[in-house]
Amino acid sequence: MRVACRIVTSYCRPPGTDIFSLLQELSETPGVSGQEERIRAAVSGHLAPLVDALRVDALGNLIGSKRGASPAHNRVMLAAHMDEIGLIVTRLERSFLRFAPVGGVDMGTLPAQEVTVHGSSDLPGLIASRPPHVLSAEERQKPFAQADLFIDVGLTAAELAESVAVGDFVSIRRPASRLGKGQASGKALDNRVSIVVLLEALRILQSRTHAWDIYAVVTVQEEIGLRGATTASFQIAPAVGIALDVTFAEQPGAPAEESLPMDSGPAIGLGPNLHPKLRALLVSTAERHEIPFTSEVLPGHSGADAWAMQVSRSGIPTALLSVPIRNMHTPAESVVLQDIERAARLLAEAISDLPDDLSVLALDDH
């Protein structure tokens, strides 16, 4: 069950800033799980001016730290993953490439998609299959399987062997665009949307005094097992963690109990993966500042970095803040830009509200 907050407001961004342009840049930058170098470099350029120190850890997580005003130096870790689903080359077959998915790729969305093969240089290509004219009536009724698809980059077999090797990554190539009613569409909005939320929240906090030390972590390899959040949570050992991600928005065919309305603000997670008192802080902050939100019930695995953060070391009180998007894990994901603004404002206000006294987050057995 999802419950929408009735409070409605808008957040006025500072002049000269443009959420769509930032989202477009990050969406169009490749970063398949395991090959996040380019997206990490792009995010680093935006994150560096907003933090006191910036580093890359052994796994590839980008970690920015910003000191708070309290001498207690309690740590809050904010996690937004940078990796996207994609493909990897498994075999060169004459002048074509065979591939396997990296992460939760829907094979039905791949035919006729434009891609970039990251070989010795970037090669534009497309995903092809046998044309319908040569298929039997029975074959036309079946969904595409991995074996039916191949990548064509327009090279001869000899040229291809010089430019591409087994193990090279492949990313979807699609420009981001604006849609009607303040929406935007593009590939890899899962989870470039939340990186924008993180950066926007840190911009807001530039003019605020916050007690806690902030660790802004842009994690790697979430799509293949929450790996970046697992290692980062262990090394940072925060007192509180807030994971930032996307969730399923309402659209035709989506179960009502598993989808949320767009343009109603971010979703605040509720369930065993998430700390009830930290959730309550987010809810009270949203209500006090008249920021619209919804509640997302997650009865088990959240599927987000929050799952890894919660059980790191001796346990971390963890919350999950998500932005609803449509068409998740396809090259045509879409989001309402104002939901990104609302999520950023809620995150910034919640960090400002974190109490010095950690006992308020303790779970009472009585």
Protein backbone atom coordinates (compact mmCIF):
# COMPACT_ATOMS: atom_id res chain seq x y z
CA MET A 1 0.00 0.00 0.00
CA ARG A 2 1.26 3.48 -0.90
CA VAL A 3 -0.09 6.57 0.84
CA ALA A 4 0.38 9.96 -0.83
CA CYS A 5 0.90 13.08 1.29
CA ARG A 6 -1.64 15.79 0.46
CA ILE A 7 0.75 18.67 1.10
CA VAL A 8 1.81 20.32 -2.15
CA THR A 9 4.59 22.81 -2.69
CA SER A 10 7.22 23.81 -5.23
CA TYR A 11 10.89 24.39 -4.69
CA CYS A 12 12.47 27.40 -6.40
CA ARG A 13 16.00 26.58 -7.54
CA PRO A 14 18.73 29.21 -7.60
CA PRO A 15 19.04 31.21 -10.84
CA GLY A 16 21.43 29.76 -13.39
CA THR A 17 21.00 26.14 -12.38
CA ASP A 18 19.29 23.56 -14.56
CA ILE A 19 18.35 20.10 -13.35
CA PHE A 20 17.58 18.79 -16.83
CA SER A 21 20.99 19.75 -18.21
CA LEU A 22 22.72 17.97 -15.32
CA LEU A 23 20.51 14.90 -15.68
CA GLN A 24 21.10 14.89 -19.44
CA GLU A 25 24.88 14.96 -19.01
CA LEU A 26 24.86 12.11 -16.50
CA SER A 27 22.31 10.04 -18.43
CA GLU A 28 24.31 10.19 -21.64
CA THR A 29 27.64 9.37 -19.96
CA PRO A 30 28.33 5.60 -20.11
CA GLY A 31 28.97 3.62 -16.94
CA VAL A 32 28.04 -0.06 -17.11
CA SER A 33 28.57 -1.98 -13.87
CA GLY A 34 32.27 -2.78 -13.64
CA GLN A 35 33.31 0.02 -16.01
CA GLU A 36 32.26 3.21 -14.22
CA GLU A 37 35.35 5.32 -15.03
CA ARG A 38 33.61 7.86 -17.28
CA ILE A 39 30.54 8.43 -15.15
CA ARG A 40 32.75 8.68 -12.06
CA ALA A 41 34.83 11.40 -13.74
CA ALA A 42 31.69 13.30 -14.76
CA VAL A 43 30.18 13.15 -11.26
CA SER A 44 33.51 14.04 -9.67
CA GLY A 45 33.58 17.36 -11.51
CA HIS A 46 30.23 18.32 -10.00
CA LEU A 47 30.83 16.86 -6.54
CA ALA A 48 34.29 18.28 -5.85
CA PRO A 49 33.18 21.91 -5.26
CA LEU A 50 30.49 20.76 -2.82
CA VAL A 51 32.66 18.78 -0.37
CA ASP A 52 35.80 19.31 1.68
CA ALA A 53 37.58 16.20 0.40
CA LEU A 54 37.05 13.74 -2.44
CA ARG A 55 38.59 10.33 -3.04
CA VAL A 56 38.09 7.08 -4.91
CA ASP A 57 38.31 3.83 -2.94
CA ALA A 58 39.71 0.47 -4.03
CA LEU A 59 36.43 -0.75 -5.55
CA GLY A 60 35.79 2.51 -7.44
CA ASN A 61 33.29 4.26 -5.16
CA LEU A 62 33.50 8.07 -5.28
CA ILE A 63 33.48 9.38 -1.69
CA GLY A 64 33.06 13.04 -0.83
CA SER A 65 33.22 14.19 2.79
CA LYS A 66 31.96 17.46 4.29
CA ARG A 67 32.60 18.37 7.91
CA GLY A 68 29.71 19.30 10.17
CA ALA A 69 29.59 21.88 12.96
CA SER A 70 29.26 19.48 15.89
CA PRO A 71 32.39 18.36 17.76
CA ALA A 72 30.77 14.92 18.07
CA HIS A 73 31.45 14.33 14.34
CA ASN A 74 28.61 11.87 13.88
CA ARG A 75 28.67 10.51 10.33
CA VAL A 76 25.76 10.26 7.89
CA MET A 77 26.40 8.30 4.70
CA LEU A 78 24.40 9.16 1.59
CA ALA A 79 24.56 6.49 -1.13
CA ALA A 80 23.51 6.86 -4.77
CA HIS A 81 24.79 4.30 -7.27
CA MET A 82 26.40 5.46 -10.51
CA ASP A 83 26.40 2.22 -12.52
CA GLU A 84 23.88 1.27 -15.18
CA ILE A 85 22.80 -2.00 -16.76
CA GLY A 86 24.44 -2.86 -20.07
CA LEU A 87 26.12 -5.59 -22.10
CA ILE A 88 29.48 -7.34 -22.42
CA VAL A 89 31.01 -8.93 -25.53
CA THR A 90 31.18 -12.74 -25.29
CA ARG A 91 32.21 -13.74 -28.80
CA LEU A 92 33.25 -12.34 -32.18
CA GLU A 93 31.24 -14.12 -34.86
CA ARG A 94 32.62 -13.14 -38.28
CA SER A 95 31.83 -9.41 -38.52
CA PHE A 96 29.30 -9.44 -35.67
CA LEU A 97 29.42 -9.45 -31.88
CA ARG A 98 27.61 -11.75 -29.51
CA PHE A 99 26.95 -10.46 -26.01
CA ALA A 100 25.58 -11.15 -22.54
CA PRO A 101 23.66 -8.82 -20.21
CA VAL A 102 25.30 -7.02 -17.29
CA GLY A 103 22.55 -6.53 -14.71
CA GLY A 104 18.80 -6.85 -15.21
CA VAL A 105 18.51 -6.26 -18.96
CA ASP A 106 15.17 -7.01 -20.66
CA MET A 107 16.02 -8.68 -23.98
CA GLY A 108 12.70 -7.51 -25.42
CA THR A 109 13.85 -3.88 -25.33
CA LEU A 110 17.11 -4.48 -27.23
CA PRO A 111 16.29 -5.11 -30.93
CA ALA A 112 17.12 -2.05 -33.08
CA GLN A 113 18.71 -0.18 -30.16
CA GLU A 114 21.77 1.92 -30.89
CA VAL A 115 24.79 1.05 -28.73
CA THR A 116 28.38 2.05 -28.13
CA VAL A 117 30.96 -0.73 -28.04
CA HIS A 118 33.80 0.32 -25.75
CA GLY A 119 36.67 -1.44 -27.48
CA SER A 120 40.08 0.04 -28.25
CA SER A 121 37.99 3.09 -29.17
CA ASP A 122 34.29 3.80 -28.96
CA LEU A 123 32.43 2.18 -31.85
CA PRO A 124 28.84 3.08 -32.69
CA GLY A 125 26.71 0.06 -33.42
CA LEU A 126 23.22 -1.35 -33.31
CA ILE A 127 21.58 -4.48 -32.01
CA ALA A 128 20.21 -6.53 -34.89
CA SER A 129 18.38 -9.78 -35.43
CA ARG A 130 17.07 -11.83 -38.32
CA PRO A 131 14.39 -9.83 -40.17
CA PRO A 132 10.78 -10.98 -39.75
CA HIS A 133 10.54 -11.91 -43.45
CA VAL A 134 12.78 -14.94 -42.92
CA LEU A 135 11.12 -16.12 -39.71
CA SER A 136 8.46 -18.78 -39.59
CA ALA A 137 5.00 -17.89 -38.29
CA GLU A 138 5.83 -19.73 -35.08
CA GLU A 139 9.14 -17.89 -34.64
CA ARG A 140 7.42 -14.51 -35.07
CA GLN A 141 5.22 -15.25 -32.06
CA LYS A 142 8.14 -15.90 -29.71
CA PRO A 143 9.91 -13.20 -27.68
CA PHE A 144 13.50 -12.41 -28.55
CA ALA A 145 16.13 -14.49 -26.79
CA GLN A 146 19.78 -13.59 -26.28
CA ALA A 147 20.81 -16.07 -28.96
CA ASP A 148 18.63 -14.25 -31.51
CA LEU A 149 20.49 -10.95 -31.18
CA PHE A 150 23.88 -9.65 -32.26
CA ILE A 151 25.69 -6.32 -32.53
CA ASP A 152 26.66 -4.87 -35.89
CA VAL A 153 29.28 -2.08 -35.95
CA GLY A 154 29.75 -2.11 -39.73
CA LEU A 155 33.30 -3.53 -39.79
CA THR A 156 34.75 -6.52 -41.56
CA ALA A 157 35.75 -9.55 -39.50
CA ALA A 158 39.44 -8.56 -39.67
CA GLU A 159 38.75 -4.94 -38.71
CA LEU A 160 36.49 -6.04 -35.87
CA ALA A 161 39.16 -8.34 -34.43
CA GLU A 162 41.59 -5.42 -34.30
CA SER A 163 39.11 -3.11 -32.53
CA VAL A 164 37.06 -5.27 -30.14
CA ALA A 165 37.90 -8.07 -27.71
CA VAL A 166 35.88 -10.50 -25.65
CA GLY A 167 35.11 -8.76 -22.36
CA ASP A 168 34.64 -5.28 -23.79
CA PHE A 169 31.62 -3.47 -22.37
CA VAL A 170 28.69 -2.15 -24.40
CA SER A 171 26.37 0.67 -23.36
CA ILE A 172 23.05 1.79 -24.79
CA ARG A 173 23.37 5.02 -26.80
CA ARG A 174 20.37 7.32 -26.45
CA PRO A 175 20.09 11.08 -25.95
CA ALA A 176 18.04 12.40 -23.05
CA SER A 177 15.04 14.54 -23.95
CA ARG A 178 12.32 16.65 -22.41
CA LEU A 179 8.73 15.41 -22.42
CA GLY A 180 5.53 17.24 -21.61
CA LYS A 181 4.44 18.37 -18.14
CA GLY A 182 7.96 18.79 -16.79
CA GLN A 183 9.07 15.23 -17.53
CA ALA A 184 12.38 14.03 -18.93
CA SER A 185 13.34 10.74 -20.55
CA GLY A 186 16.62 8.94 -21.13
CA LYS A 187 18.63 5.83 -20.44
CA ALA A 188 20.29 5.10 -17.08
CA LEU A 189 17.93 7.33 -15.10
CA ASP A 190 18.27 4.40 -12.71
CA ASN A 191 20.20 5.79 -10.94
CA ARG A 192 21.54 9.03 -12.40
CA VAL A 193 18.34 10.63 -11.07
CA SER A 194 19.54 10.04 -7.51
CA ILE A 195 23.01 11.41 -8.22
CA VAL A 196 21.28 14.65 -9.24
CA VAL A 197 19.28 14.49 -5.98
CA LEU A 198 22.53 14.09 -4.03
CA LEU A 199 24.28 16.96 -5.81
CA GLU A 200 21.27 19.26 -5.46
CA ALA A 201 20.96 18.51 -1.73
CA LEU A 202 24.64 19.31 -1.22
CA ARG A 203 24.16 22.60 -3.09
CA ILE A 204 21.35 23.53 -0.74
CA LEU A 205 23.54 22.65 2.25
CA GLN A 206 26.26 25.03 1.10
CA SER A 207 24.26 27.84 2.70
CA ARG A 208 23.24 25.86 5.80
CA THR A 209 24.86 24.87 9.06
CA HIS A 210 24.63 21.12 9.60
CA ALA A 211 25.85 19.35 12.73
CA TRP A 212 26.77 15.98 11.23
CA ASP A 213 29.70 15.06 9.00
CA ILE A 214 28.37 14.11 5.57
CA TYR A 215 29.83 11.27 3.49
CA ALA A 216 28.39 11.50 -0.02
CA VAL A 217 29.11 8.16 -1.68
CA VAL A 218 28.44 7.54 -5.37
CA THR A 219 28.60 3.76 -5.40
CA VAL A 220 29.60 1.23 -8.05
CA GLN A 221 28.22 -2.16 -9.06
CA GLU A 222 24.80 -1.82 -7.42
CA GLU A 223 23.10 -3.42 -10.40
CA ILE A 224 25.05 -6.65 -9.96
CA GLY A 225 24.90 -7.06 -6.18
CA LEU A 226 25.11 -3.83 -4.11
CA ARG A 227 28.89 -4.23 -4.00
CA GLY A 228 29.92 -0.59 -3.73
CA ALA A 229 27.55 0.14 -0.88
CA THR A 230 28.70 -2.99 0.95
CA THR A 231 32.36 -1.98 1.00
CA ALA A 232 31.77 1.76 1.50
CA SER A 233 29.47 1.22 4.48
CA PHE A 234 32.10 -0.97 6.13
CA GLN A 235 34.96 1.49 5.68
CA ILE A 236 32.99 4.66 6.61
CA ALA A 237 31.08 3.11 9.53
CA PRO A 238 28.40 5.82 9.63
CA ALA A 239 25.98 6.31 12.50
CA VAL A 240 23.15 6.75 9.97
CA GLY A 241 22.75 5.83 6.31
CA ILE A 242 20.35 7.18 3.68
CA ALA A 243 20.18 5.37 0.36
CA LEU A 244 18.96 7.26 -2.71
CA ASP A 245 17.39 5.37 -5.60
CA VAL A 246 14.45 5.23 -8.00
CA THR A 247 11.26 3.22 -7.75
CA PHE A 248 8.40 2.10 -9.97
CA ALA A 249 5.95 4.78 -11.13
CA GLU A 250 2.36 4.22 -12.16
CA GLN A 251 1.86 3.25 -15.80
CA PRO A 252 -0.32 0.87 -17.81
CA GLY A 253 0.27 -2.72 -16.79
CA ALA A 254 2.05 -1.87 -13.53
CA PRO A 255 0.45 -3.44 -10.43
CA ALA A 256 -1.17 -0.75 -8.28
CA GLU A 257 0.38 -2.18 -5.13
CA GLU A 258 3.89 -1.94 -6.60
CA SER A 259 3.83 1.50 -8.24
CA LEU A 260 3.66 5.11 -7.10
CA PRO A 261 2.28 8.31 -8.62
CA MET A 262 4.64 10.66 -10.42
CA ASP A 263 4.69 14.36 -9.58
CA SER A 264 3.84 13.58 -5.94
CA GLY A 265 7.33 13.92 -4.51
CA PRO A 266 9.83 11.26 -3.43
CA ALA A 267 8.92 7.97 -1.79
CA ILE A 268 10.02 7.32 1.78
CA GLY A 269 10.62 3.61 2.31
CA LEU A 270 8.80 1.63 4.98
CA GLY A 271 9.65 -1.96 5.93
CA PRO A 272 12.08 -4.24 7.79
CA ASN A 273 15.10 -3.07 5.74
CA LEU A 274 14.52 0.47 7.02
CA HIS A 275 14.81 2.09 10.45
CA PRO A 276 11.41 3.27 11.77
CA LYS A 277 12.74 6.26 13.71
CA LEU A 278 14.86 7.49 10.82
CA ARG A 279 11.85 7.14 8.54
CA ALA A 280 9.80 9.11 11.07
CA LEU A 281 12.38 11.89 10.94
CA LEU A 282 12.08 12.05 7.14
CA VAL A 283 8.28 12.09 7.34
CA SER A 284 8.16 14.83 9.97
CA THR A 285 10.70 16.88 8.01
CA ALA A 286 8.63 16.61 4.83
CA GLU A 287 5.44 17.59 6.64
CA ARG A 288 7.05 20.51 8.45
CA HIS A 289 8.51 21.95 5.25
CA GLU A 290 5.44 21.15 3.15
CA ILE A 291 7.32 18.86 0.79
CA PRO A 292 5.02 16.32 -0.91
CA PHE A 293 5.95 12.67 -0.53
CA THR A 294 4.58 9.16 -0.77
CA SER A 295 5.19 6.09 1.38
CA GLU A 296 6.61 2.97 -0.25
CA VAL A 297 5.97 -0.29 1.56
CA LEU A 298 8.87 -2.72 1.12
CA PRO A 299 8.08 -5.97 2.93
CA GLY A 300 11.45 -7.60 2.24
CA HIS A 301 14.57 -6.84 0.20
CA SER A 302 14.52 -3.20 -0.92
CA GLY A 303 16.70 -4.02 -3.93
CA ALA A 304 18.68 -0.85 -3.18
CA ASP A 305 21.93 0.13 -1.46
CA ALA A 306 19.92 0.38 1.76
CA TRP A 307 19.96 -3.43 1.96
CA ALA A 308 23.77 -3.50 2.19
CA MET A 309 24.04 -0.46 4.45
CA GLN A 310 21.62 -1.72 7.10
CA VAL A 311 23.62 -4.81 8.06
CA SER A 312 27.15 -3.43 7.77
CA ARG A 313 29.36 -3.93 10.82
CA SER A 314 27.09 -3.98 13.92
CA GLY A 315 24.13 -2.50 12.03
CA ILE A 316 23.36 0.99 10.69
CA PRO A 317 20.01 2.80 11.04
CA THR A 318 19.11 3.19 7.37
CA ALA A 319 16.47 5.02 5.34
CA LEU A 320 15.56 4.88 1.65
CA LEU A 321 14.46 7.89 -0.39
CA SER A 322 13.34 7.07 -3.94
CA VAL A 323 12.09 8.99 -6.97
CA PRO A 324 9.38 7.29 -9.07
CA ILE A 325 10.30 6.64 -12.72
CA ARG A 326 8.52 4.89 -15.57
CA ASN A 327 9.90 2.15 -17.83
CA MET A 328 12.64 1.11 -15.41
CA HIS A 329 15.58 -0.85 -16.89
CA THR A 330 14.72 0.20 -20.43
CA PRO A 331 16.43 2.78 -22.67
CA ALA A 332 13.38 5.05 -22.25
CA GLU A 333 13.04 5.69 -18.53
CA SER A 334 11.16 8.86 -17.59
CA VAL A 335 10.92 11.10 -14.52
CA VAL A 336 9.22 14.28 -13.37
CA LEU A 337 11.97 16.85 -12.84
CA GLN A 338 10.17 18.49 -9.94
CA ASP A 339 10.23 15.18 -8.05
CA ILE A 340 14.03 15.37 -8.22
CA GLU A 341 13.93 18.89 -6.75
CA ARG A 342 11.58 17.79 -3.98
CA ALA A 343 13.74 14.81 -3.07
CA ALA A 344 16.84 17.02 -2.92
CA ARG A 345 15.14 19.53 -0.66
CA LEU A 346 13.82 16.82 1.66
CA LEU A 347 17.27 15.25 1.90
CA ALA A 348 18.92 18.58 2.70
CA GLU A 349 16.33 19.47 5.33
CA ALA A 350 16.58 16.02 6.94
CA ILE A 351 20.36 16.26 7.23
CA SER A 352 19.97 19.68 8.84
CA ASP A 353 17.52 18.13 11.32
CA LEU A 354 19.68 15.17 12.40
CA PRO A 355 19.98 15.30 16.22
CA ASP A 356 23.31 15.32 18.06
CA ASP A 357 21.88 12.82 20.54
CA LEU A 358 22.04 9.39 18.90
CA SER A 359 19.84 7.89 21.62
CA VAL A 360 16.76 9.28 19.84
CA LEU A 361 17.35 6.68 17.13
CA ALA A 362 17.58 3.79 19.60
CA LEU A 363 14.83 1.20 19.31
CA ASP A 364 12.80 0.89 22.51
CA ASP A 365 11.97 -2.68 23.49
CA HIS A 366 9.03 -1.59 25.64
